[in-house]
Amino acid sequence: MYCPHCRILTVNVRCPVCLSRAVREPERGDWCFLAEKEKPWDGALTEILGQNGVPFLTESVLGAGLSARLGSSFERVRVYVPWERYETARELERGFFSNAYAPDSE
């Protein structure tokens, strides 16, 4: 199911974020929440998506004004991808971040 307000996919009949019951089946062209990342990981994720031909949208969590005031080190970015590319994007994200956070094996 898909909440058009929060732009998230869910298995519930109610959105777990806004509690709306106006969830529906996802449709082609729906932008779906993929991840929320802090700097510099947001750039790494969007670069990987771009390199693999996955379109994406980004949205600052703090907003431009607050981000400018607090500095970019506090900025978090939400990344959205089209529903029809969600699974590919999810696999790319999992693959990259499982390697990025893995300890070096020597």
Foldseek 3Di string as FASTA:
>chain_A
DADLVVQEDDPDCADPPPRHNPDDDADFPRWHWQDKAAPPVVVVLVVLCVVVPWDKDKDWPLDDVVCVVVDRNPIIIIIITTPVCRVVSNVSVCVVVVVVPDDDDD
